[in-house]
């Protein structure tokens, strides 16, 4: 029988639509795209500070990964969405703090817009128990 488990945590923003924060299927975790929402206030962190937004996004991703019983060192792929590709270096610097060695595969792309005016968003795929 195939396994599928929904992941929920109060340490990341609650889903604001018909989706889950994360889903574990057959030992692989897929996170929903995270924007820089503070999970307690529901507001965007650092509206004009891309580095602060990247840090909040990665904290949200980390919370979901840990709620699934995994860790950032088990992340195998991250997709990064940037409202402005000129923010790549700022996001990259923060990203390196969370993945200092043996970083996961990654895609980074500029998009026309992100929800709630966010400057950066990310989603991750990780191995999970």
N, C-alpha and C. Protein backbone atom coordinates (compact mmCIF):
# COMPACT_ATOMS: atom_id res chain seq x y z
N UNK A 1 0.84 -1.18 0.00
CA UNK A 1 0.00 0.00 0.00
C UNK A 1 0.89 1.25 0.00
N UNK A 2 0.54 2.22 -0.78
CA UNK A 2 1.29 3.47 -0.85
C UNK A 2 0.98 4.34 0.36
N UNK A 3 2.03 5.03 0.85
CA UNK A 3 1.82 5.89 2.02
C UNK A 3 1.79 7.35 1.62
N UNK A 4 0.96 8.11 2.34
CA UNK A 4 0.84 9.55 2.13
C UNK A 4 0.45 10.16 3.46
N UNK A 5 1.25 11.15 3.91
CA UNK A 5 0.99 11.79 5.20
C UNK A 5 1.03 13.30 5.03
N UNK A 6 0.04 13.97 5.58
CA UNK A 6 -0.01 15.43 5.56
C UNK A 6 0.83 15.96 6.72
N UNK A 7 1.63 16.99 6.45
CA UNK A 7 2.48 17.61 7.46
C UNK A 7 1.91 18.97 7.82
N UNK A 8 1.76 19.19 9.13
CA UNK A 8 1.26 20.47 9.63
C UNK A 8 2.11 20.90 10.81
N UNK A 9 2.41 22.19 10.89
CA UNK A 9 3.12 22.73 12.04
C UNK A 9 2.72 24.18 12.26
N UNK A 10 2.66 24.58 13.52
CA UNK A 10 2.38 25.97 13.86
C UNK A 10 3.62 26.84 13.73
N UNK A 11 4.77 26.22 13.49
CA UNK A 11 6.03 26.96 13.36
C UNK A 11 6.23 27.52 11.95
N UNK A 12 5.30 27.23 11.07
CA UNK A 12 5.30 27.78 9.71
C UNK A 12 3.90 28.35 9.46
N UNK A 13 3.77 29.26 8.51
CA UNK A 13 2.45 29.84 8.26
C UNK A 13 1.42 28.77 7.88
N UNK A 14 0.23 28.93 8.40
CA UNK A 14 -0.86 28.01 8.05
C UNK A 14 -1.20 28.17 6.58
N UNK A 15 -1.68 27.11 5.99
CA UNK A 15 -2.12 27.16 4.60
C UNK A 15 -3.27 28.16 4.48
N UNK A 16 -3.22 28.99 3.46
CA UNK A 16 -4.26 30.00 3.27
C UNK A 16 -5.19 29.64 2.12
N UNK A 17 -5.16 28.40 1.73
CA UNK A 17 -5.99 27.91 0.64
C UNK A 17 -6.10 26.40 0.72
N UNK A 18 -6.60 25.79 -0.32
CA UNK A 18 -6.78 24.34 -0.32
C UNK A 18 -5.48 23.59 -0.66
N UNK A 19 -4.51 23.70 0.25
CA UNK A 19 -3.25 22.97 0.10
C UNK A 19 -2.70 22.66 1.48
N UNK A 20 -1.71 21.80 1.54
CA UNK A 20 -1.06 21.42 2.79
C UNK A 20 0.31 22.06 2.86
N UNK A 21 0.79 22.30 4.08
CA UNK A 21 2.14 22.83 4.25
C UNK A 21 3.16 21.86 3.66
N UNK A 22 2.91 20.60 3.82
CA UNK A 22 3.79 19.57 3.29
C UNK A 22 3.08 18.25 3.17
N UNK A 23 3.59 17.42 2.29
CA UNK A 23 3.06 16.06 2.11
C UNK A 23 4.24 15.11 1.99
N UNK A 24 4.20 14.05 2.77
CA UNK A 24 5.19 12.99 2.65
C UNK A 24 4.54 11.85 1.89
N UNK A 25 5.17 11.45 0.80
CA UNK A 25 4.69 10.33 -0.01
C UNK A 25 5.86 9.40 -0.28
N UNK A 26 5.69 8.15 0.13
CA UNK A 26 6.72 7.14 -0.11
C UNK A 26 8.10 7.59 0.36
N UNK A 27 8.16 8.24 1.52
CA UNK A 27 9.44 8.64 2.11
C UNK A 27 10.04 9.91 1.54
N UNK A 28 9.28 10.65 0.76
CA UNK A 28 9.75 11.91 0.20
C UNK A 28 8.80 13.02 0.62
N UNK A 29 9.36 14.11 1.17
CA UNK A 29 8.57 15.27 1.59
C UNK A 29 8.57 16.31 0.49
N UNK A 30 7.39 16.84 0.21
CA UNK A 30 7.22 17.95 -0.72
C UNK A 30 6.62 19.09 0.09
N UNK A 31 7.32 20.23 0.17
CA UNK A 31 6.74 21.36 0.89
C UNK A 31 5.97 22.24 -0.08
N UNK A 32 4.98 22.93 0.46
CA UNK A 32 4.30 23.97 -0.31
C UNK A 32 5.27 25.13 -0.46
N UNK A 33 5.06 25.95 -1.47
CA UNK A 33 5.87 27.14 -1.63
C UNK A 33 5.68 28.03 -0.41
N UNK A 34 6.78 28.48 0.15
CA UNK A 34 6.75 29.34 1.32
C UNK A 34 7.15 30.76 0.94
N UNK A 35 6.37 31.71 1.42
CA UNK A 35 6.72 33.11 1.28
C UNK A 35 7.12 33.60 2.67
N UNK A 36 7.67 34.81 2.80
CA UNK A 36 8.19 35.25 4.09
C UNK A 36 7.13 35.72 5.08
N UNK A 37 6.17 34.86 5.35
CA UNK A 37 5.14 35.17 6.34
C UNK A 37 5.61 34.75 7.72
N UNK A 38 5.46 35.63 8.68
CA UNK A 38 5.70 35.28 10.07
C UNK A 38 4.55 34.37 10.50
N UNK A 39 4.85 33.18 11.02
CA UNK A 39 3.76 32.25 11.36
C UNK A 39 2.87 32.72 12.51
N UNK A 40 3.35 33.63 13.34
CA UNK A 40 2.51 34.09 14.45
C UNK A 40 1.66 35.29 14.09
N UNK A 41 2.17 36.18 13.24
CA UNK A 41 1.42 37.39 12.91
C UNK A 41 0.73 37.30 11.55
N UNK A 42 1.22 36.42 10.68
CA UNK A 42 0.66 36.31 9.34
C UNK A 42 1.04 37.47 8.42
N UNK A 43 2.03 38.24 8.83
CA UNK A 43 2.47 39.37 8.02
C UNK A 43 3.80 39.07 7.33
N UNK A 44 4.03 39.77 6.22
CA UNK A 44 5.29 39.64 5.49
C UNK A 44 6.42 40.25 6.32
N UNK A 45 7.52 39.52 6.43
CA UNK A 45 8.70 40.00 7.13
C UNK A 45 9.54 40.84 6.16
N UNK A 46 10.09 41.94 6.65
CA UNK A 46 11.02 42.76 5.88
C UNK A 46 10.55 43.11 4.48
N UNK A 47 9.49 43.89 4.35
CA UNK A 47 8.94 44.18 3.03
C UNK A 47 9.97 44.70 2.01
N UNK A 48 11.00 45.40 2.51
CA UNK A 48 12.02 45.94 1.60
C UNK A 48 13.39 45.31 1.82
N UNK A 49 13.44 44.17 2.51
CA UNK A 49 14.70 43.53 2.86
C UNK A 49 14.70 42.09 2.36
N UNK A 50 15.30 41.90 1.20
CA UNK A 50 15.28 40.57 0.57
C UNK A 50 15.98 39.53 1.43
N UNK A 51 17.09 39.89 2.07
CA UNK A 51 17.81 38.93 2.92
C UNK A 51 16.93 38.49 4.09
N UNK A 52 16.24 39.43 4.73
CA UNK A 52 15.34 39.08 5.84
C UNK A 52 14.21 38.19 5.35
N UNK A 53 13.70 38.47 4.16
CA UNK A 53 12.65 37.62 3.60
C UNK A 53 13.17 36.22 3.31
N UNK A 54 14.36 36.11 2.76
CA UNK A 54 14.94 34.79 2.47
C UNK A 54 15.12 33.99 3.75
N UNK A 55 15.58 34.67 4.80
CA UNK A 55 15.77 33.98 6.09
C UNK A 55 14.43 33.47 6.63
N UNK A 56 13.37 34.28 6.56
CA UNK A 56 12.05 33.85 7.05
C UNK A 56 11.53 32.69 6.22
N UNK A 57 11.70 32.76 4.91
CA UNK A 57 11.27 31.68 4.03
C UNK A 57 11.98 30.38 4.42
N UNK A 58 13.28 30.45 4.61
CA UNK A 58 14.03 29.24 4.96
C UNK A 58 13.68 28.73 6.34
N UNK A 59 13.34 29.62 7.27
CA UNK A 59 12.86 29.17 8.58
C UNK A 59 11.53 28.45 8.44
N UNK A 60 10.67 28.95 7.57
CA UNK A 60 9.38 28.28 7.33
C UNK A 60 9.60 26.90 6.71
N UNK A 61 10.48 26.83 5.72
CA UNK A 61 10.79 25.53 5.09
C UNK A 61 11.36 24.59 6.14
N UNK A 62 12.31 25.08 6.92
CA UNK A 62 12.93 24.25 7.97
C UNK A 62 11.89 23.72 8.94
N UNK A 63 10.94 24.55 9.35
CA UNK A 63 9.90 24.12 10.28
C UNK A 63 9.07 22.98 9.70
N UNK A 64 8.73 23.06 8.44
CA UNK A 64 7.94 22.01 7.79
C UNK A 64 8.76 20.73 7.67
N UNK A 65 10.00 20.88 7.26
CA UNK A 65 10.89 19.72 7.12
C UNK A 65 11.03 19.01 8.47
N UNK A 66 11.25 19.78 9.52
CA UNK A 66 11.40 19.18 10.85
C UNK A 66 10.09 18.59 11.36
N UNK A 67 8.96 19.19 11.03
CA UNK A 67 7.67 18.64 11.43
C UNK A 67 7.42 17.28 10.77
N UNK A 68 8.05 17.06 9.64
CA UNK A 68 7.93 15.78 8.94
C UNK A 68 8.90 14.75 9.51
N UNK A 69 9.71 15.16 10.49
CA UNK A 69 10.67 14.23 11.09
C UNK A 69 11.99 14.19 10.35
N UNK A 70 12.24 15.18 9.52
CA UNK A 70 13.46 15.21 8.72
C UNK A 70 14.31 16.40 9.15
N UNK A 71 15.27 16.79 8.33
CA UNK A 71 16.15 17.92 8.64
C UNK A 71 16.64 18.53 7.33
N UNK A 72 17.21 19.72 7.44
CA UNK A 72 17.67 20.40 6.23
C UNK A 72 18.75 19.62 5.50
N UNK A 73 19.53 18.81 6.22
CA UNK A 73 20.56 18.03 5.52
C UNK A 73 19.97 16.89 4.69
N UNK A 74 18.67 16.70 4.78
CA UNK A 74 17.99 15.69 3.97
C UNK A 74 17.25 16.30 2.77
N UNK A 75 17.36 17.63 2.63
CA UNK A 75 16.74 18.30 1.48
C UNK A 75 17.55 17.96 0.23
N UNK A 76 16.85 17.53 -0.81
CA UNK A 76 17.52 17.14 -2.05
C UNK A 76 17.32 18.14 -3.18
N UNK A 77 16.28 18.99 -3.09
CA UNK A 77 16.00 19.96 -4.16
C UNK A 77 15.26 21.15 -3.58
N UNK A 78 15.65 22.34 -3.99
CA UNK A 78 14.96 23.57 -3.62
C UNK A 78 14.69 24.36 -4.88
N UNK A 79 13.49 24.89 -4.96
CA UNK A 79 13.15 25.82 -6.04
C UNK A 79 13.01 27.20 -5.41
N UNK A 80 13.71 28.17 -5.99
CA UNK A 80 13.73 29.54 -5.47
C UNK A 80 13.06 30.44 -6.51
N UNK A 81 12.11 31.23 -6.05
CA UNK A 81 11.38 32.16 -6.91
C UNK A 81 11.70 33.58 -6.46
N UNK A 82 12.18 34.40 -7.38
CA UNK A 82 12.57 35.77 -7.06
C UNK A 82 11.71 36.75 -7.84
N UNK A 83 11.21 37.74 -7.14
CA UNK A 83 10.45 38.78 -7.83
C UNK A 83 11.38 39.61 -8.70
N UNK A 84 12.66 39.71 -8.29
CA UNK A 84 13.67 40.45 -9.05
C UNK A 84 14.97 39.65 -9.04
N UNK A 85 15.44 39.23 -10.20
CA UNK A 85 16.64 38.41 -10.29
C UNK A 85 17.86 39.14 -9.73
N UNK A 86 17.80 40.47 -9.62
CA UNK A 86 18.90 41.23 -9.03
C UNK A 86 19.08 40.89 -7.55
N UNK A 87 18.09 40.26 -6.93
CA UNK A 87 18.17 39.85 -5.53
C UNK A 87 18.87 38.50 -5.35
N UNK A 88 19.33 37.91 -6.45
CA UNK A 88 19.93 36.58 -6.39
C UNK A 88 21.08 36.51 -5.39
N UNK A 89 22.00 37.46 -5.42
CA UNK A 89 23.17 37.42 -4.54
C UNK A 89 22.76 37.49 -3.06
N UNK A 90 21.81 38.34 -2.73
CA UNK A 90 21.36 38.47 -1.34
C UNK A 90 20.72 37.17 -0.85
N UNK A 91 19.91 36.57 -1.70
CA UNK A 91 19.26 35.30 -1.34
C UNK A 91 20.31 34.20 -1.25
N UNK A 92 21.24 34.18 -2.17
CA UNK A 92 22.29 33.16 -2.18
C UNK A 92 23.10 33.19 -0.90
N UNK A 93 23.41 34.38 -0.38
CA UNK A 93 24.19 34.50 0.85
C UNK A 93 23.45 33.90 2.03
N UNK A 94 22.16 34.17 2.14
CA UNK A 94 21.36 33.61 3.23
C UNK A 94 21.20 32.10 3.04
N UNK A 95 20.94 31.69 1.83
CA UNK A 95 20.78 30.26 1.50
C UNK A 95 22.01 29.47 1.95
N UNK A 96 23.21 30.03 1.74
CA UNK A 96 24.45 29.35 2.11
C UNK A 96 24.56 29.15 3.62
N UNK A 97 23.90 29.99 4.42
CA UNK A 97 23.88 29.80 5.87
C UNK A 97 23.10 28.54 6.25
N UNK A 98 22.06 28.25 5.52
CA UNK A 98 21.20 27.10 5.81
C UNK A 98 21.71 25.81 5.19
N UNK A 99 22.45 25.94 4.11
CA UNK A 99 23.03 24.77 3.41
C UNK A 99 24.52 25.03 3.20
N UNK A 100 25.32 24.97 4.30
CA UNK A 100 26.73 25.35 4.21
C UNK A 100 27.61 24.37 3.45
N UNK A 101 27.19 23.12 3.36
CA UNK A 101 27.98 22.14 2.61
C UNK A 101 27.06 21.09 2.03
N UNK A 102 27.51 20.47 0.96
CA UNK A 102 26.70 19.46 0.28
C UNK A 102 25.28 19.95 0.06
N UNK A 103 25.17 21.14 -0.49
CA UNK A 103 23.86 21.77 -0.72
C UNK A 103 23.01 20.94 -1.67
N UNK A 104 21.70 21.05 -1.52
CA UNK A 104 20.80 20.33 -2.42
C UNK A 104 20.85 20.90 -3.84
N UNK A 105 20.33 20.15 -4.78
CA UNK A 105 20.14 20.69 -6.13
C UNK A 105 19.19 21.87 -6.01
N UNK A 106 19.31 22.82 -6.95
CA UNK A 106 18.48 24.01 -6.81
C UNK A 106 18.16 24.61 -8.18
N UNK A 107 16.98 25.17 -8.26
CA UNK A 107 16.61 26.00 -9.40
C UNK A 107 16.27 27.37 -8.83
N UNK A 108 16.67 28.42 -9.54
CA UNK A 108 16.33 29.78 -9.13
C UNK A 108 15.84 30.52 -10.36
N UNK A 109 14.71 31.18 -10.20
CA UNK A 109 14.13 31.86 -11.36
C UNK A 109 13.42 33.13 -10.95
N UNK A 110 13.40 34.09 -11.85
CA UNK A 110 12.63 35.31 -11.64
C UNK A 110 11.21 35.06 -12.12
N UNK A 111 10.26 35.59 -11.37
CA UNK A 111 8.85 35.47 -11.72
C UNK A 111 8.24 36.86 -11.76
N UNK A 112 7.12 37.00 -12.42
CA UNK A 112 6.49 38.31 -12.58
C UNK A 112 6.01 38.87 -11.24
N UNK A 113 5.52 38.02 -10.37
CA UNK A 113 5.02 38.47 -9.07
C UNK A 113 4.90 37.27 -8.14
N UNK A 114 4.91 37.54 -6.84
CA UNK A 114 4.72 36.52 -5.82
C UNK A 114 3.56 36.94 -4.92
N UNK A 115 2.91 35.99 -4.25
CA UNK A 115 1.79 36.33 -3.38
C UNK A 115 2.16 37.37 -2.32
N UNK A 116 1.23 38.25 -2.05
CA UNK A 116 1.32 39.25 -0.98
C UNK A 116 2.51 40.19 -1.14
N UNK A 117 3.02 40.32 -2.35
CA UNK A 117 4.12 41.24 -2.61
C UNK A 117 5.47 40.75 -2.14
N UNK A 118 5.59 39.46 -1.86
CA UNK A 118 6.87 38.90 -1.41
C UNK A 118 7.93 39.09 -2.48
N UNK A 119 9.18 39.20 -2.04
CA UNK A 119 10.31 39.33 -2.95
C UNK A 119 10.94 37.98 -3.25
N UNK A 120 10.72 37.00 -2.37
CA UNK A 120 11.31 35.67 -2.54
C UNK A 120 10.36 34.61 -1.99
N UNK A 121 10.40 33.44 -2.60
CA UNK A 121 9.63 32.29 -2.15
C UNK A 121 10.43 31.04 -2.47
N UNK A 122 10.20 29.97 -1.72
CA UNK A 122 10.91 28.72 -1.97
C UNK A 122 10.00 27.54 -1.65
N UNK A 123 10.31 26.42 -2.30
CA UNK A 123 9.71 25.13 -1.96
C UNK A 123 10.82 24.10 -1.98
N UNK A 124 10.64 23.02 -1.24
CA UNK A 124 11.70 22.04 -1.10
C UNK A 124 11.17 20.62 -1.22
N UNK A 125 12.09 19.74 -1.58
CA UNK A 125 11.84 18.30 -1.59
C UNK A 125 12.92 17.70 -0.69
N UNK A 126 12.50 16.84 0.24
CA UNK A 126 13.44 16.25 1.18
C UNK A 126 13.12 14.78 1.42
N UNK A 127 14.12 14.03 1.84
CA UNK A 127 13.88 12.67 2.27
C UNK A 127 13.25 12.73 3.66
N UNK A 128 12.31 11.87 3.93
CA UNK A 128 11.62 11.88 5.22
C UNK A 128 11.37 10.44 5.65
N UNK A 129 11.34 10.25 6.97
CA UNK A 129 11.09 8.88 7.46
C UNK A 129 9.68 8.41 7.16
